[in-house]
C-alpha cells in the first residue's frame, strides 16, 4: 500500500501533503494525545510567555483562553510551533511532533 501512495505522490506533486498524511496513517495506529504530558511540556516550554493559564504574559502572544487562538487544525498549530512564528522560536529539535500535539491537546482544555 505504501508503494502505491508513493507512486501517486510522485505523479501528483501537489498532493504531497495528503500523501504524507496517508503514509503516516498506514504506518500504524494513531495514539491519542496525552493531555497531562502536554500540560507538563506547556509549563516547561510555553508558560513563561503564554502564561500558566493561557493568558499571555508577553505582548503579542496569543490568548489561549480564547478559542479563536486555537481555531486552526492541529497540523497547522503543530507547524507553527515546530517552525516558530513571530517572536516565538521554533521548537523543531526541542519537541517531537507527538509532544507538540500533546501540547496542542492541552491548549484546547484552557478555554
PDB file of N, CA and C in Angstrom:
ATOM      1  N   UNK A   1       0.822  -1.190   0.000  1.00  0.00           N
ATOM      2  CA  UNK A   1       0.000   0.000   0.000  1.00  0.00           C
ATOM      3  C   UNK A   1       0.864   1.251   0.000  1.00  0.00           C
ATOM      4  N   UNK A   2       1.957   1.238   0.714  1.00  0.00           N
ATOM      5  CA  UNK A   2       2.808   2.418   0.787  1.00  0.00           C
ATOM      6  C   UNK A   2       3.412   2.716  -0.581  1.00  0.00           C
ATOM      7  N   UNK A   3       3.798   1.713  -1.329  1.00  0.00           N
ATOM      8  CA  UNK A   3       4.392   1.956  -2.643  1.00  0.00           C
ATOM      9  C   UNK A   3       3.384   2.599  -3.591  1.00  0.00           C
ATOM     10  N   UNK A   4       2.124   2.235  -3.494  1.00  0.00           N
ATOM     11  CA  UNK A   4       1.088   2.852  -4.318  1.00  0.00           C
ATOM     12  C   UNK A   4       0.952   4.315  -3.950  1.00  0.00           C
ATOM     13  N   UNK A   5       0.961   4.615  -2.656  1.00  0.00           N
ATOM     14  CA  UNK A   5       0.865   6.002  -2.218  1.00  0.00           C
ATOM     15  C   UNK A   5       2.074   6.804  -2.669  1.00  0.00           C
ATOM     16  N   UNK A   6       3.248   6.206  -2.599  1.00  0.00           N
ATOM     17  CA  UNK A   6       4.455   6.894  -3.039  1.00  0.00           C
ATOM     18  C   UNK A   6       4.395   7.199  -4.529  1.00  0.00           C
ATOM     19  N   UNK A   7       3.893   6.260  -5.310  1.00  0.00           N
ATOM     20  CA  UNK A   7       3.750   6.480  -6.748  1.00  0.00           C
ATOM     21  C   UNK A   7       2.767   7.599  -7.031  1.00  0.00           C
ATOM     22  N   UNK A   8       1.670   7.614  -6.315  1.00  0.00           N
ATOM     23  CA  UNK A   8       0.678   8.674  -6.515  1.00  0.00           C
ATOM     24  C   UNK A   8       1.243  10.028  -6.111  1.00  0.00           C
ATOM     25  N   UNK A   9       2.031  10.075  -5.038  1.00  0.00           N
ATOM     26  CA  UNK A   9       2.638  11.338  -4.614  1.00  0.00           C
ATOM     27  C   UNK A   9       3.597  11.850  -5.680  1.00  0.00           C
ATOM     28  N   UNK A  10       4.332  10.942  -6.336  1.00  0.00           N
ATOM     29  CA  UNK A  10       5.254  11.339  -7.390  1.00  0.00           C
ATOM     30  C   UNK A  10       4.490  11.842  -8.619  1.00  0.00           C
ATOM     31  N   UNK A  11       3.368  11.208  -8.918  1.00  0.00           N
ATOM     32  CA  UNK A  11       2.583  11.581 -10.086  1.00  0.00           C
ATOM     33  C   UNK A  11       1.825  12.891  -9.862  1.00  0.00           C
ATOM     34  N   UNK A  12       1.476  13.171  -8.633  1.00  0.00           N
ATOM     35  CA  UNK A  12       0.713  14.368  -8.294  1.00  0.00           C
ATOM     36  C   UNK A  12       1.440  15.136  -7.195  1.00  0.00           C
ATOM     37  N   UNK A  13       2.458  15.941  -7.545  1.00  0.00           N
ATOM     38  CA  UNK A  13       3.281  16.588  -6.528  1.00  0.00           C
ATOM     39  C   UNK A  13       2.500  17.511  -5.597  1.00  0.00           C
ATOM     40  N   UNK A  14       1.417  18.084  -6.052  1.00  0.00           N
ATOM     41  CA  UNK A  14       0.633  18.978  -5.184  1.00  0.00           C
ATOM     42  C   UNK A  14      -0.062  18.213  -4.068  1.00  0.00           C
ATOM     43  N   UNK A  15      -0.212  16.932  -4.257  1.00  0.00           N
ATOM     44  CA  UNK A  15      -0.880  16.137  -3.238  1.00  0.00           C
ATOM     45  C   UNK A  15       0.130  15.549  -2.252  1.00  0.00           C
ATOM     46  N   UNK A  16       1.333  16.098  -2.220  1.00  0.00           N
ATOM     47  CA  UNK A  16       2.378  15.596  -1.335  1.00  0.00           C
ATOM     48  C   UNK A  16       1.965  15.603   0.126  1.00  0.00           C
ATOM     49  N   UNK A  17       1.266  16.649   0.568  1.00  0.00           N
ATOM     50  CA  UNK A  17       0.816  16.731   1.958  1.00  0.00           C
ATOM     51  C   UNK A  17      -0.175  15.620   2.250  1.00  0.00           C
ATOM     52  N   UNK A  18      -1.088  15.392   1.331  1.00  0.00           N
ATOM     53  CA  UNK A  18      -2.064  14.320   1.507  1.00  0.00           C
ATOM     54  C   UNK A  18      -1.365  12.969   1.546  1.00  0.00           C
ATOM     55  N   UNK A  19      -0.406  12.781   0.669  1.00  0.00           N
ATOM     56  CA  UNK A  19       0.329  11.517   0.644  1.00  0.00           C
ATOM     57  C   UNK A  19       1.088  11.315   1.954  1.00  0.00           C
ATOM     58  N   UNK A  20       1.683  12.374   2.479  1.00  0.00           N
ATOM     59  CA  UNK A  20       2.411  12.260   3.748  1.00  0.00           C
ATOM     60  C   UNK A  20       1.471  11.848   4.874  1.00  0.00           C
ATOM     61  N   UNK A  21       0.280  12.433   4.888  1.00  0.00           N
ATOM     62  CA  UNK A  21      -0.685  12.066   5.928  1.00  0.00           C
ATOM     63  C   UNK A  21      -1.138  10.624   5.764  1.00  0.00           C
ATOM     64  N   UNK A  22      -1.360  10.193   4.535  1.00  0.00           N
ATOM     65  CA  UNK A  22      -1.766   8.815   4.298  1.00  0.00           C
ATOM     66  C   UNK A  22      -0.659   7.839   4.673  1.00  0.00           C
ATOM     67  N   UNK A  23       0.577   8.204   4.394  1.00  0.00           N
ATOM     68  CA  UNK A  23       1.699   7.354   4.792  1.00  0.00           C
ATOM     69  C   UNK A  23       1.781   7.241   6.308  1.00  0.00           C
ATOM     70  N   UNK A  24       1.542   8.341   6.992  1.00  0.00           N
ATOM     71  CA  UNK A  24       1.565   8.300   8.457  1.00  0.00           C
ATOM     72  C   UNK A  24       0.456   7.397   8.986  1.00  0.00           C
ATOM     73  N   UNK A  25      -0.704   7.456   8.364  1.00  0.00           N
ATOM     74  CA  UNK A  25      -1.801   6.597   8.789  1.00  0.00           C
ATOM     75  C   UNK A  25      -1.504   5.136   8.502  1.00  0.00           C
ATOM     76  N   UNK A  26      -0.856   4.867   7.387  1.00  0.00           N
ATOM     77  CA  UNK A  26      -0.541   3.491   7.021  1.00  0.00           C
ATOM     78  C   UNK A  26       0.554   2.910   7.902  1.00  0.00           C
ATOM     79  N   UNK A  27       1.329   3.770   8.545  1.00  0.00           N
ATOM     80  CA  UNK A  27       2.463   3.307   9.349  1.00  0.00           C
ATOM     81  C   UNK A  27       2.028   2.595  10.623  1.00  0.00           C
ATOM     82  N   UNK A  28       0.839   2.860  11.097  1.00  0.00           N
ATOM     83  CA  UNK A  28       0.391   2.187  12.304  1.00  0.00           C
ATOM     84  C   UNK A  28      -0.749   2.939  12.960  1.00  0.00           C
ATOM     85  N   UNK A  29      -1.266   2.382  14.035  1.00  0.00           N
ATOM     86  CA  UNK A  29      -2.394   3.027  14.699  1.00  0.00           C
ATOM     87  C   UNK A  29      -1.970   4.338  15.353  1.00  0.00           C
ATOM     88  N   UNK A  30      -2.864   5.277  15.340  1.00  0.00           N
ATOM     89  CA  UNK A  30      -2.594   6.575  15.947  1.00  0.00           C
ATOM     90  C   UNK A  30      -2.800   6.479  17.456  1.00  0.00           C
ATOM     91  N   UNK A  31      -1.979   7.181  18.169  1.00  0.00           N
ATOM     92  CA  UNK A  31      -2.108   7.224  19.617  1.00  0.00           C
ATOM     93  C   UNK A  31      -2.850   8.503  19.999  1.00  0.00           C
ATOM     94  N   UNK A  32      -3.678   8.412  21.001  1.00  0.00           N
ATOM     95  CA  UNK A  32      -4.391   9.586  21.478  1.00  0.00           C
ATOM     96  C   UNK A  32      -3.408  10.538  22.133  1.00  0.00           C
ATOM     97  N   UNK A  33      -3.724  11.819  22.063  1.00  0.00           N
ATOM     98  CA  UNK A  33      -2.875  12.821  22.690  1.00  0.00           C
ATOM     99  C   UNK A  33      -2.890  12.642  24.206  1.00  0.00           C
ATOM    100  N   UNK A  34      -1.770  12.923  24.820  1.00  0.00           N
ATOM    101  CA  UNK A  34      -1.619  12.832  26.271  1.00  0.00           C
ATOM    102  C   UNK A  34      -1.705  14.247  26.844  1.00  0.00           C
ATOM    103  N   UNK A  35      -2.890  14.628  27.316  1.00  0.00           N
ATOM    104  CA  UNK A  35      -3.130  15.983  27.807  1.00  0.00           C
ATOM    105  C   UNK A  35      -2.275  16.289  29.027  1.00  0.00           C
ATOM    106  N   UNK A  36      -2.083  15.329  29.914  1.00  0.00           N
ATOM    107  CA  UNK A  36      -1.258  15.560  31.112  1.00  0.00           C
ATOM    108  C   UNK A  36       0.185  15.850  30.717  1.00  0.00           C
ATOM    109  N   UNK A  37       0.724  15.072  29.778  1.00  0.00           N
ATOM    110  CA  UNK A  37       2.097  15.330  29.321  1.00  0.00           C
ATOM    111  C   UNK A  37       2.152  16.671  28.604  1.00  0.00           C
ATOM    112  N   UNK A  38       1.109  16.996  27.838  1.00  0.00           N
ATOM    113  CA  UNK A  38       1.043  18.302  27.175  1.00  0.00           C
ATOM    114  C   UNK A  38       1.077  19.444  28.176  1.00  0.00           C
ATOM    115  N   UNK A  39       0.388  19.274  29.308  1.00  0.00           N
ATOM    116  CA  UNK A  39       0.402  20.309  30.349  1.00  0.00           C
ATOM    117  C   UNK A  39       1.778  20.480  30.959  1.00  0.00           C
ATOM    118  N   UNK A  40       2.474  19.375  31.178  1.00  0.00           N
ATOM    119  CA  UNK A  40       3.831  19.439  31.722  1.00  0.00           C
ATOM    120  C   UNK A  40       4.774  20.120  30.735  1.00  0.00           C
ATOM    121  N   UNK A  41       4.671  19.752  29.460  1.00  0.00           N
ATOM    122  CA  UNK A  41       5.512  20.377  28.434  1.00  0.00           C
ATOM    123  C   UNK A  41       5.185  21.856  28.283  1.00  0.00           C
ATOM    124  N   UNK A  42       3.901  22.191  28.338  1.00  0.00           N
ATOM    125  CA  UNK A  42       3.487  23.595  28.256  1.00  0.00           C
ATOM    126  C   UNK A  42       4.093  24.392  29.405  1.00  0.00           C
ATOM    127  N   UNK A  43       4.023  23.860  30.618  1.00  0.00           N
ATOM    128  CA  UNK A  43       4.587  24.552  31.784  1.00  0.00           C
ATOM    129  C   UNK A  43       6.088  24.760  31.625  1.00  0.00           C
ATOM    130  N   UNK A  44       6.764  23.799  31.039  1.00  0.00           N
ATOM    131  CA  UNK A  44       8.215  23.872  30.878  1.00  0.00           C
ATOM    132  C   UNK A  44       8.634  24.809  29.751  1.00  0.00           C
ATOM    133  N   UNK A  45       7.950  24.743  28.604  1.00  0.00           N
ATOM    134  CA  UNK A  45       8.424  25.436  27.404  1.00  0.00           C
ATOM    135  C   UNK A  45       7.607  26.659  26.999  1.00  0.00           C
ATOM    136  N   UNK A  46       6.373  26.786  27.458  1.00  0.00           N
ATOM    137  CA  UNK A  46       5.474  27.787  26.889  1.00  0.00           C
ATOM    138  C   UNK A  46       4.964  28.822  27.889  1.00  0.00           C
ATOM    139  N   UNK A  47       4.772  28.403  29.140  1.00  0.00           N
ATOM    140  CA  UNK A  47       4.086  29.254  30.119  1.00  0.00           C
ATOM    141  C   UNK A  47       4.813  30.563  30.387  1.00  0.00           C
ATOM    142  N   UNK A  48       6.130  30.599  30.216  1.00  0.00           N
ATOM    143  CA  UNK A  48       6.862  31.838  30.512  1.00  0.00           C
ATOM    144  C   UNK A  48       6.411  32.989  29.620  1.00  0.00           C
ATOM    145  N   UNK A  49       5.950  32.694  28.417  1.00  0.00           N
ATOM    146  CA  UNK A  49       5.468  33.746  27.514  1.00  0.00           C
ATOM    147  C   UNK A  49       3.947  33.735  27.370  1.00  0.00           C
ATOM    148  N   UNK A  50       3.372  32.530  27.350  1.00  0.00           N
ATOM    149  CA  UNK A  50       1.936  32.398  27.108  1.00  0.00           C
ATOM    150  C   UNK A  50       1.117  32.347  28.390  1.00  0.00           C
ATOM    151  N   UNK A  51       1.779  32.381  29.556  1.00  0.00           N
ATOM    152  CA  UNK A  51       1.085  32.376  30.831  1.00  0.00           C
ATOM    153  C   UNK A  51       0.685  30.980  31.274  1.00  0.00           C
ATOM    154  N   UNK A  52       0.718  30.752  32.565  1.00  0.00           N
ATOM    155  CA  UNK A  52       0.411  29.431  33.122  1.00  0.00           C
ATOM    156  C   UNK A  52      -1.004  28.979  32.773  1.00  0.00           C
ATOM    157  N   UNK A  53      -1.930  29.920  32.677  1.00  0.00           N
ATOM    158  CA  UNK A  53      -3.320  29.555  32.390  1.00  0.00           C
ATOM    159  C   UNK A  53      -3.711  29.830  30.944  1.00  0.00           C
ATOM    160  N   UNK A  54      -2.740  30.230  30.108  1.00  0.00           N
ATOM    161  CA  UNK A  54      -3.031  30.520  28.709  1.00  0.00           C
ATOM    162  C   UNK A  54      -3.261  31.987  28.432  1.00  0.00           C
ATOM    163  N   UNK A  55      -3.281  32.821  29.486  1.00  0.00           N
ATOM    164  CA  UNK A  55      -3.397  34.264  29.316  1.00  0.00           C
ATOM    165  C   UNK A  55      -1.980  34.801  29.118  1.00  0.00           C
ATOM    166  N   UNK A  56      -1.696  35.446  27.972  1.00  0.00           N
ATOM    167  CA  UNK A  56      -0.323  35.784  27.628  1.00  0.00           C
ATOM    168  C   UNK A  56       0.357  36.740  28.601  1.00  0.00           C
ATOM    169  N   UNK A  57       1.636  36.510  28.773  1.00  0.00           N
ATOM    170  CA  UNK A  57       2.499  37.370  29.579  1.00  0.00           C
ATOM    171  C   UNK A  57       3.242  38.324  28.646  1.00  0.00           C
ATOM    172  N   UNK A  58       3.671  37.823  27.501  1.00  0.00           N
ATOM    173  CA  UNK A  58       4.406  38.618  26.514  1.00  0.00           C
ATOM    174  C   UNK A  58       3.422  39.313  25.572  1.00  0.00           C
ATOM    175  N   UNK A  59       3.668  40.592  25.266  1.00  0.00           N
ATOM    176  CA  UNK A  59       2.807  41.290  24.309  1.00  0.00           C
ATOM    177  C   UNK A  59       2.845  40.587  22.950  1.00  0.00           C
ATOM    178  N   UNK A  60       1.693  40.461  22.335  1.00  0.00           N
ATOM    179  CA  UNK A  60       1.588  39.848  21.021  1.00  0.00           C
ATOM    180  C   UNK A  60       1.399  38.338  21.035  1.00  0.00           C
ATOM    181  N   UNK A  61       1.602  37.699  22.180  1.00  0.00           N
ATOM    182  CA  UNK A  61       1.385  36.251  22.272  1.00  0.00           C
ATOM    183  C   UNK A  61      -0.119  35.979  22.244  1.00  0.00           C
ATOM    184  N   UNK A  62      -0.543  34.917  21.579  1.00  0.00           N
ATOM    185  CA  UNK A  62      -1.981  34.624  21.522  1.00  0.00           C
ATOM    186  C   UNK A  62      -2.542  34.248  22.898  1.00  0.00           C
ATOM    187  N   UNK A  63      -3.797  34.585  23.095  1.00  0.00           N
ATOM    188  CA  UNK A  63      -4.502  34.258  24.329  1.00  0.00           C
ATOM    189  C   UNK A  63      -5.194  32.914  24.126  1.00  0.00           C
ATOM    190  N   UNK A  64      -4.661  31.879  24.759  1.00  0.00           N
ATOM    191  CA  UNK A  64      -5.225  30.543  24.590  1.00  0.00           C
ATOM    192  C   UNK A  64      -6.491  30.334  25.413  1.00  0.00           C
ATOM    193  N   UNK A  65      -6.857  31.284  26.228  1.00  0.00           N
ATOM    194  CA  UNK A  65      -8.122  31.192  26.963  1.00  0.00           C
ATOM    195  C   UNK A  65      -9.286  31.538  26.034  1.00  0.00           C
ATOM    196  N   UNK A  66      -8.983  32.166  24.912  1.00  0.00           N
ATOM    197  CA  UNK A  66      -9.995  32.475  23.904  1.00  0.00           C
ATOM    198  C   UNK A  66      -9.848  31.475  22.770  1.00  0.00           C
ATOM    199  N   UNK A  67     -10.916  30.895  22.359  1.00  0.00           N
ATOM    200  CA  UNK A  67     -10.869  29.827  21.357  1.00  0.00           C
ATOM    201  C   UNK A  67     -10.368  30.287  19.993  1.00  0.00           C
ATOM    202  N   UNK A  68     -10.509  31.577  19.651  1.00  0.00           N
ATOM    203  CA  UNK A  68     -10.087  31.994  18.312  1.00  0.00           C
ATOM    204  C   UNK A  68      -8.591  31.765  18.083  1.00  0.00           C
ATOM    205  N   UNK A  69      -7.800  31.725  19.149  1.00  0.00           N
ATOM    206  CA  UNK A  69      -6.372  31.439  19.001  1.00  0.00           C
ATOM    207  C   UNK A  69      -6.132  29.986  18.592  1.00  0.00           C
ATOM    208  N   UNK A  70      -7.125  29.145  18.798  1.00  0.00           N
ATOM    209  CA  UNK A  70      -6.968  27.711  18.520  1.00  0.00           C
ATOM    210  C   UNK A  70      -7.922  27.213  17.433  1.00  0.00           C
ATOM    211  N   UNK A  71      -8.436  28.116  16.619  1.00  0.00           N
ATOM    212  CA  UNK A  71      -9.427  27.751  15.606  1.00  0.00           C
ATOM    213  C   UNK A  71      -8.808  27.185  14.332  1.00  0.00           C
ATOM    214  N   UNK A  72      -7.568  26.767  14.417  1.00  0.00           N
ATOM    215  CA  UNK A  72      -6.905  26.146  13.267  1.00  0.00           C
ATOM    216  C   UNK A  72      -6.761  24.652  13.527  1.00  0.00           C
ATOM    217  N   UNK A  73      -6.638  23.867  12.467  1.00  0.00           N
ATOM    218  CA  UNK A  73      -6.441  22.420  12.648  1.00  0.00           C
ATOM    219  C   UNK A  73      -5.140  22.124  13.400  1.00  0.00           C
ATOM    220  N   UNK A  74      -5.103  20.984  14.041  1.00  0.00           N
ATOM    221  CA  UNK A  74      -3.929  20.574  14.817  1.00  0.00           C
ATOM    222  C   UNK A  74      -2.645  20.637  14.004  1.00  0.00           C
ATOM    223  N   UNK A  75      -2.688  20.211  12.746  1.00  0.00           N
ATOM    224  CA  UNK A  75      -1.474  20.180  11.936  1.00  0.00           C
ATOM    225  C   UNK A  75      -0.952  21.582  11.633  1.00  0.00           C
ATOM    226  N   UNK A  76      -1.828  22.575  11.506  1.00  0.00           N
ATOM    227  CA  UNK A  76      -1.382  23.960  11.312  1.00  0.00           C
ATOM    228  C   UNK A  76      -0.737  24.483  12.589  1.00  0.00           C
ATOM    229  N   UNK A  77      -1.327  24.160  13.737  1.00  0.00           N
ATOM    230  CA  UNK A  77      -0.739  24.575  15.004  1.00  0.00           C
ATOM    231  C   UNK A  77       0.606  23.887  15.223  1.00  0.00           C
ATOM    232  N   UNK A  78       0.688  22.600  14.890  1.00  0.00           N
ATOM    233  CA  UNK A  78       1.945  21.867  15.000  1.00  0.00           C
ATOM    234  C   UNK A  78       3.025  22.541  14.160  1.00  0.00           C
ATOM    235  N   UNK A  79       2.692  22.907  12.934  1.00  0.00           N
ATOM    236  CA  UNK A  79       3.663  23.557  12.048  1.00  0.00           C
ATOM    237  C   UNK A  79       4.116  24.893  12.616  1.00  0.00           C
ATOM    238  N   UNK A  80       3.190  25.677  13.156  1.00  0.00           N
ATOM    239  CA  UNK A  80       3.549  26.974  13.739  1.00  0.00           C
ATOM    240  C   UNK A  80       4.476  26.793  14.938  1.00  0.00           C
ATOM    241  N   UNK A  81       4.206  25.803  15.764  1.00  0.00           N
ATOM    242  CA  UNK A  81       5.058  25.561  16.939  1.00  0.00           C
ATOM    243  C   UNK A  81       6.406  24.987  16.502  1.00  0.00           C
ATOM    244  N   UNK A  82       6.387  24.085  15.567  1.00  0.00           N
ATOM    245  CA  UNK A  82       7.631  23.472  15.092  1.00  0.00           C
ATOM    246  C   UNK A  82       8.548  24.516  14.449  1.00  0.00           C
ATOM    247  N   UNK A  83       7.991  25.401  13.623  1.00  0.00           N
ATOM    248  CA  UNK A  83       8.799  26.355  12.865  1.00  0.00           C
ATOM    249  C   UNK A  83       8.977  27.697  13.557  1.00  0.00           C
ATOM    250  N   UNK A  84       8.130  27.988  14.530  1.00  0.00           N
ATOM    251  CA  UNK A  84       8.151  29.295  15.174  1.00  0.00           C
ATOM    252  C   UNK A  84       7.268  30.268  14.412  1.00  0.00           C
ATOM    253  N   UNK A  85       6.897  31.336  15.092  1.00  0.00           N
ATOM    254  CA  UNK A  85       6.027  32.330  14.459  1.00  0.00           C
ATOM    255  C   UNK A  85       6.210  33.648  15.193  1.00  0.00           C
ATOM    256  N   UNK A  86       6.485  34.694  14.457  1.00  0.00           N
ATOM    257  CA  UNK A  86       6.710  35.989  15.089  1.00  0.00           C
ATOM    258  C   UNK A  86       7.911  35.924  16.025  1.00  0.00           C
ATOM    259  N   UNK A  87       7.724  36.341  17.261  1.00  0.00           N
ATOM    260  CA  UNK A  87       8.805  36.332  18.254  1.00  0.00           C
ATOM    261  C   UNK A  87       9.040  34.946  18.852  1.00  0.00           C
ATOM    262  N   UNK A  88       8.114  34.023  18.619  1.00  0.00           N
ATOM    263  CA  UNK A  88       8.263  32.688  19.201  1.00  0.00           C
ATOM    264  C   UNK A  88       9.275  31.867  18.405  1.00  0.00           C
ATOM    265  N   UNK A  89      10.253  31.290  19.091  1.00  0.00           N
ATOM    266  CA  UNK A  89      11.215  30.444  18.380  1.00  0.00           C
ATOM    267  C   UNK A  89      10.568  29.126  17.967  1.00  0.00           C
ATOM    268  N   UNK A  90      11.147  28.472  16.995  1.00  0.00           N
ATOM    269  CA  UNK A  90      10.679  27.156  16.581  1.00  0.00           C
ATOM    270  C   UNK A  90      11.129  26.095  17.576  1.00  0.00           C
ATOM    271  N   UNK A  91      10.320  25.087  17.737  1.00  0.00           N
ATOM    272  CA  UNK A  91      10.637  24.003  18.671  1.00  0.00           C
ATOM    273  C   UNK A  91      11.047  22.722  17.956  1.00  0.00           C
ATOM    274  N   UNK A  92      11.383  22.832  16.657  1.00  0.00           N
ATOM    275  CA  UNK A  92      11.911  21.692  15.922  1.00  0.00           C
ATOM    276  C   UNK A  92      13.236  21.286  16.561  1.00  0.00           C
ATOM    277  N   UNK A  93      13.378  20.027  16.897  1.00  0.00           N
ATOM    278  CA  UNK A  93      14.586  19.556  17.559  1.00  0.00           C
ATOM    279  C   UNK A  93      14.526  19.650  19.074  1.00  0.00           C
ATOM    280  N   UNK A  94      13.563  20.408  19.585  1.00  0.00           N
ATOM    281  CA  UNK A  94      13.361  20.522  21.032  1.00  0.00           C
ATOM    282  C   UNK A  94      12.240  19.587  21.458  1.00  0.00           C
ATOM    283  N   UNK A  95      11.137  19.645  20.735  1.00  0.00           N
ATOM    284  CA  UNK A  95       9.985  18.782  20.992  1.00  0.00           C
ATOM    285  C   UNK A  95       9.716  17.932  19.761  1.00  0.00           C
ATOM    286  N   UNK A  96       9.359  16.689  19.983  1.00  0.00           N
ATOM    287  CA  UNK A  96       8.932  15.813  18.889  1.00  0.00           C
ATOM    288  C   UNK A  96       7.513  16.211  18.488  1.00  0.00           C
ATOM    289  N   UNK A  97       7.119  15.847  17.266  1.00  0.00           N
ATOM    290  CA  UNK A  97       5.770  16.170  16.792  1.00  0.00           C
ATOM    291  C   UNK A  97       4.709  15.628  17.740  1.00  0.00           C
ATOM    292  N   UNK A  98       4.903  14.414  18.247  1.00  0.00           N
ATOM    293  CA  UNK A  98       3.929  13.820  19.181  1.00  0.00           C
ATOM    294  C   UNK A  98       3.801  14.691  20.428  1.00  0.00           C
ATOM    295  N   UNK A  99       4.916  15.235  20.924  1.00  0.00           N
ATOM    296  CA  UNK A  99       4.878  16.104  22.104  1.00  0.00           C
ATOM    297  C   UNK A  99       4.177  17.419  21.784  1.00  0.00           C
ATOM    298  N   UNK A 100       4.422  17.959  20.597  1.00  0.00           N
ATOM    299  CA  UNK A 100       3.738  19.194  20.199  1.00  0.00           C
ATOM    300  C   UNK A 100       2.236  18.954  20.135  1.00  0.00           C
ATOM    301  N   UNK A 101       1.821  17.821  19.600  1.00  0.00           N
ATOM    302  CA  UNK A 101       0.386  17.512  19.551  1.00  0.00           C
ATOM    303  C   UNK A 101      -0.188  17.320  20.951  1.00  0.00           C
ATOM    304  N   UNK A 102       0.606  16.829  21.889  1.00  0.00           N
ATOM    305  CA  UNK A 102       0.165  16.751  23.283  1.00  0.00           C
ATOM    306  C   UNK A 102      -0.064  18.157  23.835  1.00  0.00           C
ATOM    307  N   UNK A 103       0.835  19.088  23.508  1.00  0.00           N
ATOM    308  CA  UNK A 103       0.672  20.483  23.948  1.00  0.00           C
ATOM    309  C   UNK A 103      -0.581  21.087  23.326  1.00  0.00           C
ATOM    310  N   UNK A 104      -0.797  20.837  22.050  1.00  0.00           N
ATOM    311  CA  UNK A 104      -1.992  21.351  21.380  1.00  0.00           C
ATOM    312  C   UNK A 104      -3.256  20.822  22.047  1.00  0.00           C
ATOM    313  N   UNK A 105      -3.282  19.542  22.379  1.00  0.00           N
ATOM    314  CA  UNK A 105      -4.438  18.965  23.069  1.00  0.00           C
ATOM    315  C   UNK A 105      -4.634  19.643  24.421  1.00  0.00           C
ATOM    316  N   UNK A 106      -3.545  19.907  25.136  1.00  0.00           N
ATOM    317  CA  UNK A 106      -3.647  20.615  26.414  1.00  0.00           C
ATOM    318  C   UNK A 106      -4.191  22.028  26.216  1.00  0.00           C
ATOM    319  N   UNK A 107      -3.687  22.730  25.193  1.00  0.00           N
ATOM    320  CA  UNK A 107      -4.161  24.097  24.932  1.00  0.00           C
ATOM    321  C   UNK A 107      -5.670  24.133  24.739  1.00  0.00           C
ATOM    322  N   UNK A 108      -6.202  23.120  24.112  1.00  0.00           N
ATOM    323  CA  UNK A 108      -7.645  23.089  23.842  1.00  0.00           C
ATOM    324  C   UNK A 108      -8.465  22.918  25.119  1.00  0.00           C
ATOM    325  N   UNK A 109      -7.818  22.571  26.232  1.00  0.00           N
ATOM    326  CA  UNK A 109      -8.538  22.457  27.507  1.00  0.00           C
ATOM    327  C   UNK A 109      -8.556  23.763  28.292  1.00  0.00           C
ATOM    328  N   UNK A 110      -7.816  24.770  27.834  1.00  0.00           N
ATOM    329  CA  UNK A 110      -7.668  26.009  28.610  1.00  0.00           C
ATOM    330  C   UNK A 110      -8.848  26.958  28.487  1.00  0.00           C
ATOM    331  N   UNK A 111      -9.641  26.860  27.441  1.00  0.00           N
ATOM    332  CA  UNK A 111     -10.723  27.836  27.249  1.00  0.00           C
ATOM    333  C   UNK A 111     -11.867  27.616  28.215  1.00  0.00           C
TER     334      UNK A 111
END
